[in-house]
Amino acid sequence: MQIRPVSLVLVPALVARGIRSADPRGFRDRIWHERAAIADMFKNGAKVYLCGSGRMATGVKETCARVYAEYKGVSMEQAREWLKEMQSSRFATDIFG
């Protein structure tokens, strides 16, 4: 059995209710702020594990689609389709509430 090296990158996002600033604290804000790095990770085969509330997950998925649309120059509809395809192999979720 051959063991492959694995890289793990955690991108924490702190949520402070009602606070908005230039510092990206919410999940969607953090993803958008780090979109170049996230796009590069996806290009290199990254996998995403998203755990949280349904409301949060909806926003995160939409933001990931926006990142894809921007970097690929495709419509949001095409980006959402791409995300659906990724959910079967590279975008796992554990959603509650």
N, C-alpha and C. Protein backbone atom coordinates (compact mmCIF):
# COMPACT_ATOMS: atom_id res chain seq x y z
N MET A 1 0.84 -1.18 0.00
CA MET A 1 0.00 0.00 0.00
C MET A 1 0.88 1.24 0.00
N GLN A 2 0.59 2.14 -0.92
CA GLN A 2 1.34 3.39 -1.01
C GLN A 2 0.56 4.48 -0.29
N ILE A 3 1.24 5.25 0.53
CA ILE A 3 0.61 6.35 1.27
C ILE A 3 0.94 7.66 0.56
N ARG A 4 -0.10 8.40 0.23
CA ARG A 4 0.08 9.69 -0.43
C ARG A 4 0.12 10.80 0.61
N PRO A 5 1.00 11.77 0.41
CA PRO A 5 0.99 12.92 1.33
C PRO A 5 -0.29 13.73 1.12
N VAL A 6 -0.80 14.26 2.20
CA VAL A 6 -2.04 15.04 2.15
C VAL A 6 -1.79 16.40 2.77
N SER A 7 -2.34 17.41 2.14
CA SER A 7 -2.27 18.77 2.70
C SER A 7 -3.64 19.12 3.24
N LEU A 8 -3.66 19.79 4.35
CA LEU A 8 -4.91 20.23 4.95
C LEU A 8 -4.80 21.72 5.22
N VAL A 9 -5.77 22.46 4.69
CA VAL A 9 -5.81 23.90 4.92
C VAL A 9 -7.14 24.22 5.58
N LEU A 10 -7.09 24.80 6.73
CA LEU A 10 -8.31 25.22 7.43
C LEU A 10 -8.44 26.73 7.27
N VAL A 11 -9.62 27.16 6.88
CA VAL A 11 -9.87 28.59 6.74
C VAL A 11 -10.96 28.94 7.74
N PRO A 12 -10.56 29.34 8.93
CA PRO A 12 -11.57 29.66 9.93
C PRO A 12 -12.25 31.00 9.63
N ALA A 13 -13.50 31.06 10.00
CA ALA A 13 -14.24 32.32 9.86
C ALA A 13 -14.97 32.56 11.17
N LEU A 14 -14.78 33.71 11.71
CA LEU A 14 -15.44 34.06 12.97
C LEU A 14 -16.69 34.85 12.65
N VAL A 15 -17.76 34.50 13.28
CA VAL A 15 -19.02 35.19 13.03
C VAL A 15 -19.37 36.03 14.24
N ALA A 16 -19.55 37.29 14.01
CA ALA A 16 -19.99 38.20 15.06
C ALA A 16 -21.30 38.81 14.58
N ARG A 17 -22.38 38.45 15.20
CA ARG A 17 -23.70 38.91 14.77
C ARG A 17 -23.80 40.43 14.77
N GLY A 18 -24.26 40.95 13.65
CA GLY A 18 -24.52 42.37 13.56
C GLY A 18 -23.30 43.23 13.32
N ILE A 19 -22.12 42.63 13.19
CA ILE A 19 -20.91 43.42 12.99
C ILE A 19 -20.49 43.31 11.53
N ARG A 20 -20.31 44.44 10.89
CA ARG A 20 -19.84 44.49 9.51
C ARG A 20 -18.66 45.45 9.47
N SER A 21 -17.57 45.02 8.86
CA SER A 21 -16.41 45.89 8.72
C SER A 21 -15.59 45.43 7.54
N ALA A 22 -14.47 46.07 7.31
CA ALA A 22 -13.57 45.67 6.23
C ALA A 22 -12.90 44.34 6.54
N ASP A 23 -12.86 43.97 7.82
CA ASP A 23 -12.28 42.70 8.23
C ASP A 23 -13.30 41.59 7.96
N PRO A 24 -13.00 40.67 7.06
CA PRO A 24 -13.98 39.64 6.71
C PRO A 24 -14.14 38.60 7.82
N ARG A 25 -15.22 38.67 8.55
CA ARG A 25 -15.44 37.77 9.67
C ARG A 25 -16.48 36.69 9.37
N GLY A 26 -17.46 36.99 8.57
CA GLY A 26 -18.47 36.00 8.25
C GLY A 26 -17.94 35.00 7.23
N PHE A 27 -18.57 33.86 7.16
CA PHE A 27 -18.11 32.81 6.25
C PHE A 27 -18.06 33.29 4.80
N ARG A 28 -19.17 33.87 4.35
CA ARG A 28 -19.21 34.33 2.96
C ARG A 28 -18.19 35.42 2.71
N ASP A 29 -18.07 36.36 3.66
CA ASP A 29 -17.10 37.44 3.51
C ASP A 29 -15.68 36.88 3.45
N ARG A 30 -15.39 35.90 4.30
CA ARG A 30 -14.04 35.33 4.33
C ARG A 30 -13.72 34.61 3.02
N ILE A 31 -14.67 33.84 2.51
CA ILE A 31 -14.46 33.13 1.24
C ILE A 31 -14.22 34.13 0.12
N TRP A 32 -15.03 35.16 0.06
CA TRP A 32 -14.88 36.15 -1.00
C TRP A 32 -13.54 36.87 -0.88
N HIS A 33 -13.16 37.23 0.33
CA HIS A 33 -11.90 37.91 0.59
C HIS A 33 -10.70 37.05 0.17
N GLU A 34 -10.80 35.74 0.37
CA GLU A 34 -9.71 34.80 0.07
C GLU A 34 -9.93 34.10 -1.27
N ARG A 35 -10.75 34.67 -2.15
CA ARG A 35 -11.18 33.97 -3.36
C ARG A 35 -10.04 33.56 -4.29
N ALA A 36 -9.00 34.35 -4.39
CA ALA A 36 -7.88 33.96 -5.27
C ALA A 36 -7.23 32.68 -4.77
N ALA A 37 -6.98 32.61 -3.47
CA ALA A 37 -6.37 31.41 -2.90
C ALA A 37 -7.31 30.21 -3.01
N ILE A 38 -8.59 30.44 -2.77
CA ILE A 38 -9.56 29.35 -2.84
C ILE A 38 -9.70 28.85 -4.26
N ALA A 39 -9.74 29.74 -5.23
CA ALA A 39 -9.81 29.34 -6.64
C ALA A 39 -8.58 28.51 -7.01
N ASP A 40 -7.42 28.92 -6.52
CA ASP A 40 -6.20 28.19 -6.80
C ASP A 40 -6.24 26.80 -6.17
N MET A 41 -6.77 26.71 -4.95
CA MET A 41 -6.88 25.40 -4.29
C MET A 41 -7.80 24.48 -5.07
N PHE A 42 -8.93 25.00 -5.52
CA PHE A 42 -9.85 24.18 -6.32
C PHE A 42 -9.19 23.73 -7.62
N LYS A 43 -8.46 24.63 -8.24
CA LYS A 43 -7.76 24.30 -9.48
C LYS A 43 -6.79 23.14 -9.27
N ASN A 44 -6.25 23.05 -8.05
CA ASN A 44 -5.28 22.01 -7.73
C ASN A 44 -5.91 20.80 -7.04
N GLY A 45 -7.24 20.66 -7.14
CA GLY A 45 -7.91 19.45 -6.65
C GLY A 45 -8.39 19.47 -5.22
N ALA A 46 -8.51 20.64 -4.61
CA ALA A 46 -8.95 20.72 -3.23
C ALA A 46 -10.34 20.11 -3.03
N LYS A 47 -10.57 19.63 -1.82
CA LYS A 47 -11.88 19.15 -1.41
C LYS A 47 -12.35 20.02 -0.26
N VAL A 48 -13.66 20.25 -0.19
CA VAL A 48 -14.24 21.11 0.83
C VAL A 48 -15.15 20.29 1.72
N TYR A 49 -15.05 20.53 3.03
CA TYR A 49 -15.99 19.95 3.98
C TYR A 49 -16.66 21.11 4.69
N LEU A 50 -17.95 21.24 4.52
CA LEU A 50 -18.71 22.35 5.07
C LEU A 50 -19.67 21.81 6.12
N CYS A 51 -19.54 22.30 7.33
CA CYS A 51 -20.41 21.86 8.41
C CYS A 51 -21.03 23.09 9.06
N GLY A 52 -22.35 23.07 9.21
CA GLY A 52 -23.02 24.19 9.84
C GLY A 52 -24.50 24.22 9.53
N SER A 53 -25.12 25.33 9.83
CA SER A 53 -26.56 25.47 9.64
C SER A 53 -26.91 25.57 8.15
N GLY A 54 -28.13 25.24 7.83
CA GLY A 54 -28.61 25.32 6.46
C GLY A 54 -28.52 26.73 5.91
N ARG A 55 -28.83 27.71 6.72
CA ARG A 55 -28.78 29.11 6.28
C ARG A 55 -27.35 29.52 5.92
N MET A 56 -26.40 29.14 6.77
CA MET A 56 -25.00 29.45 6.52
C MET A 56 -24.53 28.72 5.25
N ALA A 57 -24.89 27.46 5.13
CA ALA A 57 -24.45 26.65 3.99
C ALA A 57 -24.94 27.22 2.66
N THR A 58 -26.17 27.70 2.64
CA THR A 58 -26.71 28.28 1.41
C THR A 58 -25.86 29.46 0.96
N GLY A 59 -25.51 30.34 1.89
CA GLY A 59 -24.68 31.50 1.57
C GLY A 59 -23.28 31.11 1.13
N VAL A 60 -22.70 30.11 1.78
CA VAL A 60 -21.35 29.67 1.43
C VAL A 60 -21.34 29.06 0.03
N LYS A 61 -22.32 28.24 -0.26
CA LYS A 61 -22.40 27.62 -1.60
C LYS A 61 -22.55 28.70 -2.67
N GLU A 62 -23.39 29.67 -2.43
CA GLU A 62 -23.59 30.75 -3.41
C GLU A 62 -22.30 31.54 -3.61
N THR A 63 -21.57 31.79 -2.53
CA THR A 63 -20.30 32.52 -2.64
C THR A 63 -19.26 31.70 -3.39
N CYS A 64 -19.21 30.40 -3.14
CA CYS A 64 -18.29 29.54 -3.89
C CYS A 64 -18.63 29.56 -5.38
N ALA A 65 -19.91 29.58 -5.69
CA ALA A 65 -20.33 29.67 -7.09
C ALA A 65 -19.89 31.01 -7.69
N ARG A 66 -20.00 32.10 -6.92
CA ARG A 66 -19.55 33.41 -7.40
C ARG A 66 -18.05 33.41 -7.70
N VAL A 67 -17.28 32.77 -6.80
CA VAL A 67 -15.83 32.67 -7.01
C VAL A 67 -15.55 31.94 -8.32
N TYR A 68 -16.22 30.82 -8.51
CA TYR A 68 -16.03 30.03 -9.73
C TYR A 68 -16.42 30.85 -10.97
N ALA A 69 -17.57 31.51 -10.90
CA ALA A 69 -18.04 32.31 -12.03
C ALA A 69 -17.04 33.40 -12.39
N GLU A 70 -16.49 34.06 -11.38
CA GLU A 70 -15.52 35.13 -11.63
C GLU A 70 -14.24 34.59 -12.28
N TYR A 71 -13.73 33.50 -11.75
CA TYR A 71 -12.45 33.00 -12.24
C TYR A 71 -12.55 32.23 -13.54
N LYS A 72 -13.70 31.68 -13.84
CA LYS A 72 -13.88 30.96 -15.09
C LYS A 72 -14.56 31.79 -16.17
N GLY A 73 -15.13 32.92 -15.76
CA GLY A 73 -15.82 33.77 -16.72
C GLY A 73 -17.10 33.14 -17.25
N VAL A 74 -17.82 32.47 -16.34
CA VAL A 74 -19.07 31.80 -16.73
C VAL A 74 -20.23 32.45 -15.98
N SER A 75 -21.44 32.09 -16.38
CA SER A 75 -22.64 32.63 -15.73
C SER A 75 -22.81 31.99 -14.35
N MET A 76 -23.63 32.62 -13.52
CA MET A 76 -23.92 32.04 -12.21
C MET A 76 -24.65 30.71 -12.36
N GLU A 77 -25.48 30.59 -13.37
CA GLU A 77 -26.18 29.31 -13.60
C GLU A 77 -25.16 28.20 -13.87
N GLN A 78 -24.17 28.49 -14.71
CA GLN A 78 -23.12 27.50 -14.98
C GLN A 78 -22.30 27.21 -13.73
N ALA A 79 -22.03 28.23 -12.94
CA ALA A 79 -21.27 28.04 -11.71
C ALA A 79 -22.04 27.18 -10.71
N ARG A 80 -23.34 27.37 -10.62
CA ARG A 80 -24.15 26.54 -9.71
C ARG A 80 -24.17 25.09 -10.17
N GLU A 81 -24.21 24.88 -11.48
CA GLU A 81 -24.15 23.52 -12.02
C GLU A 81 -22.82 22.87 -11.68
N TRP A 82 -21.74 23.63 -11.82
CA TRP A 82 -20.41 23.12 -11.46
C TRP A 82 -20.40 22.71 -9.99
N LEU A 83 -20.96 23.55 -9.14
CA LEU A 83 -20.98 23.25 -7.71
C LEU A 83 -21.77 21.98 -7.43
N LYS A 84 -22.89 21.78 -8.11
CA LYS A 84 -23.67 20.54 -7.94
C LYS A 84 -22.83 19.33 -8.30
N GLU A 85 -22.06 19.43 -9.37
CA GLU A 85 -21.17 18.34 -9.77
C GLU A 85 -20.11 18.08 -8.71
N MET A 86 -19.58 19.15 -8.13
CA MET A 86 -18.54 19.02 -7.10
C MET A 86 -19.07 18.34 -5.84
N GLN A 87 -20.36 18.50 -5.56
CA GLN A 87 -20.93 17.93 -4.34
C GLN A 87 -20.89 16.41 -4.33
N SER A 88 -20.73 15.79 -5.48
CA SER A 88 -20.66 14.33 -5.51
C SER A 88 -19.23 13.82 -5.28
N SER A 89 -18.24 14.73 -5.32
CA SER A 89 -16.87 14.24 -5.19
C SER A 89 -15.93 15.13 -4.36
N ARG A 90 -16.13 16.44 -4.41
CA ARG A 90 -15.15 17.33 -3.78
C ARG A 90 -15.75 18.39 -2.86
N PHE A 91 -17.04 18.33 -2.60
CA PHE A 91 -17.68 19.34 -1.76
C PHE A 91 -18.67 18.62 -0.83
N ALA A 92 -18.17 18.16 0.30
CA ALA A 92 -19.01 17.42 1.25
C ALA A 92 -19.63 18.38 2.25
N THR A 93 -20.86 18.06 2.66
CA THR A 93 -21.55 18.91 3.63
C THR A 93 -22.15 18.09 4.77
N ASP A 94 -22.23 18.73 5.91
CA ASP A 94 -22.91 18.20 7.09
C ASP A 94 -23.76 19.37 7.60
N ILE A 95 -25.00 19.41 7.15
CA ILE A 95 -25.87 20.57 7.38
C ILE A 95 -26.94 20.22 8.41
N PHE A 96 -27.20 21.15 9.30
CA PHE A 96 -28.25 20.96 10.31
C PHE A 96 -29.07 22.22 10.44
N GLY A 97 -30.20 22.09 11.09
CA GLY A 97 -31.05 23.25 11.41
C GLY A 97 -31.72 23.82 10.30
